PDB file of N, CA and C in Angstrom:
ATOM      1  N   MET A   1     -29.609  23.132 -53.702  1.00  0.00           N
ATOM      2  CA  MET A   1     -29.254  22.701 -52.363  1.00  0.00           C
ATOM      3  C   MET A   1     -28.319  21.502 -52.476  1.00  0.00           C
ATOM      4  N   LEU A   2     -27.227  21.568 -51.735  1.00  0.00           N
ATOM      5  CA  LEU A   2     -26.265  20.472 -51.717  1.00  0.00           C
ATOM      6  C   LEU A   2     -26.580  19.523 -50.570  1.00  0.00           C
ATOM      7  N   GLU A   3     -26.161  18.283 -50.748  1.00  0.00           N
ATOM      8  CA  GLU A   3     -26.460  17.247 -49.771  1.00  0.00           C
ATOM      9  C   GLU A   3     -25.254  16.333 -49.587  1.00  0.00           C
ATOM     10  N   ARG A   4     -25.025  15.891 -48.353  1.00  0.00           N
ATOM     11  CA  ARG A   4     -23.990  14.900 -48.047  1.00  0.00           C
ATOM     12  C   ARG A   4     -24.608  13.829 -47.167  1.00  0.00           C
ATOM     13  N   ARG A   5     -24.344  12.587 -47.488  1.00  0.00           N
ATOM     14  CA  ARG A   5     -24.749  11.463 -46.634  1.00  0.00           C
ATOM     15  C   ARG A   5     -23.502  10.996 -45.902  1.00  0.00           C
ATOM     16  N   VAL A   6     -23.619  10.899 -44.579  1.00  0.00           N
ATOM     17  CA  VAL A   6     -22.457  10.594 -43.748  1.00  0.00           C
ATOM     18  C   VAL A   6     -22.857   9.559 -42.700  1.00  0.00           C
ATOM     19  N   VAL A   7     -21.956   8.614 -42.444  1.00  0.00           N
ATOM     20  CA  VAL A   7     -22.176   7.623 -41.400  1.00  0.00           C
ATOM     21  C   VAL A   7     -21.607   8.166 -40.089  1.00  0.00           C
ATOM     22  N   VAL A   8     -22.402   8.066 -39.025  1.00  0.00           N
ATOM     23  CA  VAL A   8     -21.995   8.549 -37.700  1.00  0.00           C
ATOM     24  C   VAL A   8     -20.859   7.671 -37.181  1.00  0.00           C
ATOM     25  N   GLY A   9     -19.734   8.296 -36.855  1.00  0.00           N
ATOM     26  CA  GLY A   9     -18.538   7.568 -36.453  1.00  0.00           C
ATOM     27  C   GLY A   9     -18.443   7.216 -34.983  1.00  0.00           C
ATOM     28  N   SER A  10     -19.088   7.971 -34.120  1.00  0.00           N
ATOM     29  CA  SER A  10     -19.022   7.683 -32.679  1.00  0.00           C
ATOM     30  C   SER A  10     -19.999   6.577 -32.318  1.00  0.00           C
ATOM     31  N   SER A  11     -19.557   5.640 -31.501  1.00  0.00           N
ATOM     32  CA  SER A  11     -20.432   4.523 -31.136  1.00  0.00           C
ATOM     33  C   SER A  11     -21.650   4.994 -30.341  1.00  0.00           C
ATOM     34  N   VAL A  12     -21.522   6.106 -29.618  1.00  0.00           N
ATOM     35  CA  VAL A  12     -22.661   6.636 -28.859  1.00  0.00           C
ATOM     36  C   VAL A  12     -23.600   7.442 -29.751  1.00  0.00           C
ATOM     37  N   GLY A  13     -23.222   7.614 -30.995  1.00  0.00           N
ATOM     38  CA  GLY A  13     -24.052   8.380 -31.926  1.00  0.00           C
ATOM     39  C   GLY A  13     -23.925   9.873 -31.701  1.00  0.00           C
ATOM     40  N   LEU A  14     -24.924  10.601 -32.155  1.00  0.00           N
ATOM     41  CA  LEU A  14     -24.926  12.056 -31.964  1.00  0.00           C
ATOM     42  C   LEU A  14     -25.650  12.365 -30.656  1.00  0.00           C
ATOM     43  N   HIS A  15     -24.979  12.037 -29.571  1.00  0.00           N
ATOM     44  CA  HIS A  15     -25.524  12.238 -28.242  1.00  0.00           C
ATOM     45  C   HIS A  15     -24.444  12.894 -27.392  1.00  0.00           C
ATOM     46  N   ALA A  16     -24.847  13.759 -26.520  1.00  0.00           N
ATOM     47  CA  ALA A  16     -23.952  14.427 -25.567  1.00  0.00           C
ATOM     48  C   ALA A  16     -22.766  15.110 -26.255  1.00  0.00           C
ATOM     49  N   ARG A  17     -21.560  14.660 -25.974  1.00  0.00           N
ATOM     50  CA  ARG A  17     -20.359  15.343 -26.480  1.00  0.00           C
ATOM     51  C   ARG A  17     -20.290  15.395 -28.009  1.00  0.00           C
ATOM     52  N   PRO A  18     -20.484  14.287 -28.734  1.00  0.00           N
ATOM     53  CA  PRO A  18     -20.426  14.376 -30.200  1.00  0.00           C
ATOM     54  C   PRO A  18     -21.466  15.349 -30.768  1.00  0.00           C
ATOM     55  N   ALA A  19     -22.661  15.361 -30.184  1.00  0.00           N
ATOM     56  CA  ALA A  19     -23.696  16.284 -30.656  1.00  0.00           C
ATOM     57  C   ALA A  19     -23.290  17.724 -30.384  1.00  0.00           C
ATOM     58  N   ALA A  20     -22.729  17.982 -29.212  1.00  0.00           N
ATOM     59  CA  ALA A  20     -22.295  19.338 -28.871  1.00  0.00           C
ATOM     60  C   ALA A  20     -21.195  19.820 -29.814  1.00  0.00           C
ATOM     61  N   LEU A  21     -20.251  18.942 -30.124  1.00  0.00           N
ATOM     62  CA  LEU A  21     -19.189  19.306 -31.073  1.00  0.00           C
ATOM     63  C   LEU A  21     -19.761  19.610 -32.453  1.00  0.00           C
ATOM     64  N   PHE A  22     -20.722  18.801 -32.879  1.00  0.00           N
ATOM     65  CA  PHE A  22     -21.347  19.008 -34.179  1.00  0.00           C
ATOM     66  C   PHE A  22     -22.110  20.330 -34.224  1.00  0.00           C
ATOM     67  N   VAL A  23     -22.904  20.599 -33.205  1.00  0.00           N
ATOM     68  CA  VAL A  23     -23.705  21.829 -33.160  1.00  0.00           C
ATOM     69  C   VAL A  23     -22.802  23.059 -33.133  1.00  0.00           C
ATOM     70  N   LYS A  24     -21.715  22.981 -32.378  1.00  0.00           N
ATOM     71  CA  LYS A  24     -20.770  24.104 -32.334  1.00  0.00           C
ATOM     72  C   LYS A  24     -20.180  24.355 -33.715  1.00  0.00           C
ATOM     73  N   ALA A  25     -19.798  23.286 -34.408  1.00  0.00           N
ATOM     74  CA  ALA A  25     -19.248  23.429 -35.760  1.00  0.00           C
ATOM     75  C   ALA A  25     -20.299  23.974 -36.721  1.00  0.00           C
ATOM     76  N   ALA A  26     -21.543  23.545 -36.562  1.00  0.00           N
ATOM     77  CA  ALA A  26     -22.620  24.028 -37.430  1.00  0.00           C
ATOM     78  C   ALA A  26     -22.869  25.516 -37.226  1.00  0.00           C
ATOM     79  N   ALA A  27     -22.783  25.958 -35.978  1.00  0.00           N
ATOM     80  CA  ALA A  27     -22.997  27.376 -35.671  1.00  0.00           C
ATOM     81  C   ALA A  27     -21.909  28.262 -36.261  1.00  0.00           C
ATOM     82  N   GLU A  28     -20.747  27.691 -36.508  1.00  0.00           N
ATOM     83  CA  GLU A  28     -19.630  28.448 -37.071  1.00  0.00           C
ATOM     84  C   GLU A  28     -19.684  28.551 -38.597  1.00  0.00           C
ATOM     85  N   GLN A  29     -20.609  27.850 -39.225  1.00  0.00           N
ATOM     86  CA  GLN A  29     -20.684  27.857 -40.684  1.00  0.00           C
ATOM     87  C   GLN A  29     -21.387  29.117 -41.198  1.00  0.00           C
ATOM     88  N   PRO A  30     -20.991  29.581 -42.378  1.00  0.00           N
ATOM     89  CA  PRO A  30     -21.576  30.807 -42.923  1.00  0.00           C
ATOM     90  C   PRO A  30     -22.949  30.610 -43.566  1.00  0.00           C
ATOM     91  N   VAL A  31     -23.410  29.365 -43.648  1.00  0.00           N
ATOM     92  CA  VAL A  31     -24.718  29.075 -44.241  1.00  0.00           C
ATOM     93  C   VAL A  31     -25.505  28.174 -43.298  1.00  0.00           C
ATOM     94  N   PRO A  32     -26.830  28.248 -43.337  1.00  0.00           N
ATOM     95  CA  PRO A  32     -27.639  27.349 -42.514  1.00  0.00           C
ATOM     96  C   PRO A  32     -27.512  25.906 -43.019  1.00  0.00           C
ATOM     97  N   VAL A  33     -27.480  24.977 -42.088  1.00  0.00           N
ATOM     98  CA  VAL A  33     -27.361  23.557 -42.424  1.00  0.00           C
ATOM     99  C   VAL A  33     -28.441  22.791 -41.677  1.00  0.00           C
ATOM    100  N   THR A  34     -29.005  21.779 -42.333  1.00  0.00           N
ATOM    101  CA  THR A  34     -29.937  20.882 -41.666  1.00  0.00           C
ATOM    102  C   THR A  34     -29.331  19.490 -41.624  1.00  0.00           C
ATOM    103  N   ILE A  35     -29.835  18.690 -40.691  1.00  0.00           N
ATOM    104  CA  ILE A  35     -29.413  17.300 -40.569  1.00  0.00           C
ATOM    105  C   ILE A  35     -30.664  16.456 -40.382  1.00  0.00           C
ATOM    106  N   GLY A  36     -30.691  15.323 -41.058  1.00  0.00           N
ATOM    107  CA  GLY A  36     -31.828  14.427 -40.942  1.00  0.00           C
ATOM    108  C   GLY A  36     -31.377  12.984 -40.831  1.00  0.00           C
ATOM    109  N   LEU A  37     -32.258  12.151 -40.336  1.00  0.00           N
ATOM    110  CA  LEU A  37     -31.984  10.730 -40.172  1.00  0.00           C
ATOM    111  C   LEU A  37     -33.047   9.947 -40.929  1.00  0.00           C
ATOM    112  N   GLY A  38     -32.624   9.155 -41.890  1.00  0.00           N
ATOM    113  CA  GLY A  38     -33.570   8.354 -42.665  1.00  0.00           C
ATOM    114  C   GLY A  38     -34.599   9.215 -43.366  1.00  0.00           C
ATOM    115  N   ASP A  39     -35.856   8.802 -43.275  1.00  0.00           N
ATOM    116  CA  ASP A  39     -36.946   9.542 -43.914  1.00  0.00           C
ATOM    117  C   ASP A  39     -37.532  10.616 -43.009  1.00  0.00           C
ATOM    118  N   GLY A  40     -36.939  10.779 -41.833  1.00  0.00           N
ATOM    119  CA  GLY A  40     -37.448  11.772 -40.890  1.00  0.00           C
ATOM    120  C   GLY A  40     -37.200  13.192 -41.376  1.00  0.00           C
ATOM    121  N   ALA A  41     -37.930  14.102 -40.789  1.00  0.00           N
ATOM    122  CA  ALA A  41     -37.804  15.512 -41.147  1.00  0.00           C
ATOM    123  C   ALA A  41     -36.433  16.040 -40.717  1.00  0.00           C
ATOM    124  N   PRO A  42     -35.793  16.842 -41.557  1.00  0.00           N
ATOM    125  CA  PRO A  42     -34.509  17.435 -41.179  1.00  0.00           C
ATOM    126  C   PRO A  42     -34.708  18.504 -40.098  1.00  0.00           C
ATOM    127  N   VAL A  43     -33.667  18.692 -39.299  1.00  0.00           N
ATOM    128  CA  VAL A  43     -33.711  19.692 -38.227  1.00  0.00           C
ATOM    129  C   VAL A  43     -32.539  20.653 -38.388  1.00  0.00           C
ATOM    130  N   ASP A  44     -32.637  21.772 -37.723  1.00  0.00           N
ATOM    131  CA  ASP A  44     -31.576  22.779 -37.733  1.00  0.00           C
ATOM    132  C   ASP A  44     -30.338  22.195 -37.062  1.00  0.00           C
ATOM    133  N   ALA A  45     -29.232  22.186 -37.771  1.00  0.00           N
ATOM    134  CA  ALA A  45     -27.992  21.619 -37.249  1.00  0.00           C
ATOM    135  C   ALA A  45     -27.402  22.439 -36.110  1.00  0.00           C
ATOM    136  N   ARG A  46     -27.904  23.653 -35.883  1.00  0.00           N
ATOM    137  CA  ARG A  46     -27.390  24.508 -34.810  1.00  0.00           C
ATOM    138  C   ARG A  46     -28.138  24.312 -33.495  1.00  0.00           C
ATOM    139  N   SER A  47     -29.134  23.421 -33.490  1.00  0.00           N
ATOM    140  CA  SER A  47     -29.945  23.197 -32.296  1.00  0.00           C
ATOM    141  C   SER A  47     -29.542  21.889 -31.622  1.00  0.00           C
ATOM    142  N   LEU A  48     -28.940  21.982 -30.433  1.00  0.00           N
ATOM    143  CA  LEU A  48     -28.480  20.792 -29.720  1.00  0.00           C
ATOM    144  C   LEU A  48     -29.633  19.840 -29.412  1.00  0.00           C
ATOM    145  N   LEU A  49     -30.737  20.379 -28.922  1.00  0.00           N
ATOM    146  CA  LEU A  49     -31.866  19.518 -28.588  1.00  0.00           C
ATOM    147  C   LEU A  49     -32.427  18.816 -29.819  1.00  0.00           C
ATOM    148  N   SER A  50     -32.492  19.533 -30.941  1.00  0.00           N
ATOM    149  CA  SER A  50     -33.000  18.929 -32.175  1.00  0.00           C
ATOM    150  C   SER A  50     -32.077  17.836 -32.692  1.00  0.00           C
ATOM    151  N   VAL A  51     -30.770  18.096 -32.648  1.00  0.00           N
ATOM    152  CA  VAL A  51     -29.795  17.106 -33.125  1.00  0.00           C
ATOM    153  C   VAL A  51     -29.838  15.869 -32.240  1.00  0.00           C
ATOM    154  N   MET A  52     -29.866  16.049 -30.933  1.00  0.00           N
ATOM    155  CA  MET A  52     -29.938  14.901 -30.030  1.00  0.00           C
ATOM    156  C   MET A  52     -31.270  14.173 -30.184  1.00  0.00           C
ATOM    157  N   GLY A  53     -32.321  14.920 -30.484  1.00  0.00           N
ATOM    158  CA  GLY A  53     -33.649  14.333 -30.670  1.00  0.00           C
ATOM    159  C   GLY A  53     -33.759  13.428 -31.877  1.00  0.00           C
ATOM    160  N   LEU A  54     -32.826  13.550 -32.807  1.00  0.00           N
ATOM    161  CA  LEU A  54     -32.847  12.655 -33.974  1.00  0.00           C
ATOM    162  C   LEU A  54     -32.631  11.206 -33.559  1.00  0.00           C
ATOM    163  N   GLY A  55     -31.872  10.999 -32.501  1.00  0.00           N
ATOM    164  CA  GLY A  55     -31.589   9.645 -32.048  1.00  0.00           C
ATOM    165  C   GLY A  55     -30.609   8.905 -32.942  1.00  0.00           C
ATOM    166  N   ALA A  56     -29.733   9.642 -33.620  1.00  0.00           N
ATOM    167  CA  ALA A  56     -28.751   9.016 -34.519  1.00  0.00           C
ATOM    168  C   ALA A  56     -27.729   8.235 -33.706  1.00  0.00           C
ATOM    169  N   ARG A  57     -27.571   6.966 -34.042  1.00  0.00           N
ATOM    170  CA  ARG A  57     -26.636   6.089 -33.339  1.00  0.00           C
ATOM    171  C   ARG A  57     -25.399   5.852 -34.187  1.00  0.00           C
ATOM    172  N   GLY A  58     -24.378   5.313 -33.574  1.00  0.00           N
ATOM    173  CA  GLY A  58     -23.166   4.973 -34.305  1.00  0.00           C
ATOM    174  C   GLY A  58     -23.490   4.029 -35.452  1.00  0.00           C
ATOM    175  N   GLY A  59     -22.995   4.338 -36.638  1.00  0.00           N
ATOM    176  CA  GLY A  59     -23.256   3.528 -37.820  1.00  0.00           C
ATOM    177  C   GLY A  59     -24.468   3.963 -38.615  1.00  0.00           C
ATOM    178  N   ASP A  60     -25.315   4.825 -38.048  1.00  0.00           N
ATOM    179  CA  ASP A  60     -26.465   5.356 -38.796  1.00  0.00           C
ATOM    180  C   ASP A  60     -25.989   6.335 -39.857  1.00  0.00           C
ATOM    181  N   GLU A  61     -26.742   6.427 -40.930  1.00  0.00           N
ATOM    182  CA  GLU A  61     -26.439   7.410 -41.965  1.00  0.00           C
ATOM    183  C   GLU A  61     -27.329   8.630 -41.771  1.00  0.00           C
ATOM    184  N   VAL A  62     -26.711   9.801 -41.737  1.00  0.00           N
ATOM    185  CA  VAL A  62     -27.457  11.054 -41.648  1.00  0.00           C
ATOM    186  C   VAL A  62     -27.276  11.834 -42.948  1.00  0.00           C
ATOM    187  N   VAL A  63     -28.211  12.737 -43.194  1.00  0.00           N
ATOM    188  CA  VAL A  63     -28.168  13.558 -44.397  1.00  0.00           C
ATOM    189  C   VAL A  63     -27.989  15.010 -43.983  1.00  0.00           C
ATOM    190  N   LEU A  64     -26.914  15.619 -44.458  1.00  0.00           N
ATOM    191  CA  LEU A  64     -26.647  17.036 -44.222  1.00  0.00           C
ATOM    192  C   LEU A  64     -27.030  17.798 -45.477  1.00  0.00           C
ATOM    193  N   ARG A  65     -27.696  18.939 -45.321  1.00  0.00           N
ATOM    194  CA  ARG A  65     -28.078  19.770 -46.463  1.00  0.00           C
ATOM    195  C   ARG A  65     -27.775  21.233 -46.165  1.00  0.00           C
ATOM    196  N   ALA A  66     -27.292  21.920 -47.199  1.00  0.00           N
ATOM    197  CA  ALA A  66     -27.011  23.347 -47.069  1.00  0.00           C
ATOM    198  C   ALA A  66     -27.176  23.996 -48.430  1.00  0.00           C
ATOM    199  N   ASP A  67     -27.440  25.285 -48.401  1.00  0.00           N
ATOM    200  CA  ASP A  67     -27.617  26.045 -49.631  1.00  0.00           C
ATOM    201  C   ASP A  67     -26.880  27.372 -49.479  1.00  0.00           C
ATOM    202  N   GLY A  68     -26.240  27.795 -50.537  1.00  0.00           N
ATOM    203  CA  GLY A  68     -25.532  29.068 -50.500  1.00  0.00           C
ATOM    204  C   GLY A  68     -24.148  28.935 -51.092  1.00  0.00           C
ATOM    205  N   PRO A  69     -23.452  30.053 -51.202  1.00  0.00           N
ATOM    206  CA  PRO A  69     -22.143  30.053 -51.857  1.00  0.00           C
ATOM    207  C   PRO A  69     -21.073  29.223 -51.145  1.00  0.00           C
ATOM    208  N   ASP A  70     -21.183  29.053 -49.839  1.00  0.00           N
ATOM    209  CA  ASP A  70     -20.189  28.281 -49.093  1.00  0.00           C
ATOM    210  C   ASP A  70     -20.741  26.943 -48.615  1.00  0.00           C
ATOM    211  N   ALA A  71     -21.810  26.480 -49.239  1.00  0.00           N
ATOM    212  CA  ALA A  71     -22.463  25.243 -48.799  1.00  0.00           C
ATOM    213  C   ALA A  71     -21.530  24.041 -48.881  1.00  0.00           C
ATOM    214  N   ASP A  72     -20.756  23.937 -49.942  1.00  0.00           N
ATOM    215  CA  ASP A  72     -19.865  22.785 -50.111  1.00  0.00           C
ATOM    216  C   ASP A  72     -18.822  22.732 -48.998  1.00  0.00           C
ATOM    217  N   THR A  73     -18.235  23.857 -48.681  1.00  0.00           N
ATOM    218  CA  THR A  73     -17.234  23.931 -47.611  1.00  0.00           C
ATOM    219  C   THR A  73     -17.864  23.591 -46.267  1.00  0.00           C
ATOM    220  N   ALA A  74     -19.057  24.120 -46.012  1.00  0.00           N
ATOM    221  CA  ALA A  74     -19.752  23.852 -44.751  1.00  0.00           C
ATOM    222  C   ALA A  74     -20.069  22.367 -44.607  1.00  0.00           C
ATOM    223  N   LEU A  75     -20.575  21.770 -45.673  1.00  0.00           N
ATOM    224  CA  LEU A  75     -20.920  20.354 -45.609  1.00  0.00           C
ATOM    225  C   LEU A  75     -19.686  19.480 -45.410  1.00  0.00           C
ATOM    226  N   ASN A  76     -18.592  19.828 -46.056  1.00  0.00           N
ATOM    227  CA  ASN A  76     -17.354  19.066 -45.874  1.00  0.00           C
ATOM    228  C   ASN A  76     -16.893  19.122 -44.421  1.00  0.00           C
ATOM    229  N   ALA A  77     -16.933  20.309 -43.830  1.00  0.00           N
ATOM    230  CA  ALA A  77     -16.493  20.474 -42.436  1.00  0.00           C
ATOM    231  C   ALA A  77     -17.388  19.689 -41.483  1.00  0.00           C
ATOM    232  N   LEU A  78     -18.691  19.769 -41.682  1.00  0.00           N
ATOM    233  CA  LEU A  78     -19.616  19.089 -40.781  1.00  0.00           C
ATOM    234  C   LEU A  78     -19.605  17.576 -40.990  1.00  0.00           C
ATOM    235  N   ALA A  79     -19.423  17.143 -42.216  1.00  0.00           N
ATOM    236  CA  ALA A  79     -19.335  15.707 -42.492  1.00  0.00           C
ATOM    237  C   ALA A  79     -18.139  15.111 -41.748  1.00  0.00           C
ATOM    238  N   ALA A  80     -17.048  15.843 -41.681  1.00  0.00           N
ATOM    239  CA  ALA A  80     -15.859  15.361 -40.971  1.00  0.00           C
ATOM    240  C   ALA A  80     -16.145  15.208 -39.478  1.00  0.00           C
ATOM    241  N   VAL A  81     -16.911  16.123 -38.904  1.00  0.00           N
ATOM    242  CA  VAL A  81     -17.259  16.041 -37.478  1.00  0.00           C
ATOM    243  C   VAL A  81     -18.150  14.835 -37.229  1.00  0.00           C
ATOM    244  N   VAL A  82     -19.134  14.615 -38.077  1.00  0.00           N
ATOM    245  CA  VAL A  82     -20.054  13.480 -37.914  1.00  0.00           C
ATOM    246  C   VAL A  82     -19.311  12.155 -38.052  1.00  0.00           C
ATOM    247  N   ALA A  83     -18.428  12.050 -39.020  1.00  0.00           N
ATOM    248  CA  ALA A  83     -17.730  10.792 -39.306  1.00  0.00           C
ATOM    249  C   ALA A  83     -16.657  10.444 -38.284  1.00  0.00           C
ATOM    250  N   ALA A  84     -16.171  11.441 -37.550  1.00  0.00           N
ATOM    251  CA  ALA A  84     -15.089  11.214 -36.591  1.00  0.00           C
ATOM    252  C   ALA A  84     -15.576  10.400 -35.381  1.00  0.00           C
ATOM    253  N   ASP A  85     -14.669   9.625 -34.813  1.00  0.00           N
ATOM    254  CA  ASP A  85     -14.963   8.871 -33.604  1.00  0.00           C
ATOM    255  C   ASP A  85     -14.582   9.741 -32.405  1.00  0.00           C
ATOM    256  N   HIS A  86     -15.585  10.290 -31.755  1.00  0.00           N
ATOM    257  CA  HIS A  86     -15.351  11.189 -30.604  1.00  0.00           C
ATOM    258  C   HIS A  86     -15.369  10.428 -29.280  1.00  0.00           C
ATOM    259  N   ASP A  87     -15.381   9.111 -29.348  1.00  0.00           N
ATOM    260  CA  ASP A  87     -15.449   8.304 -28.132  1.00  0.00           C
ATOM    261  C   ASP A  87     -14.102   8.188 -27.439  1.00  0.00           C
ATOM    262  N   ALA A  88     -13.038   8.325 -28.192  1.00  0.00           N
ATOM    263  CA  ALA A  88     -11.691   8.126 -27.627  1.00  0.00           C
ATOM    264  C   ALA A  88     -11.224   9.317 -26.831  1.00  0.00           C
TER     265      ALA A  88
END
């Protein structure tokens, strides 16, 4: 299983629009991906309610995990969405 640690780039965190963009990107990936915050349990990256429920704020570090032949590509794509500032 591959893992990426990424700092949330939007000041509002993974809430509302940034979370929706992330979940949409996760749903487009060819492998399942999870996202977690700190020592908390990881959640399905394709679930908007679960992602918003993490309470990830701007500047928090999240952990993305995926397994499979395209896991590296999926994690790179999702890490870019998390790190981007969607506030502008």
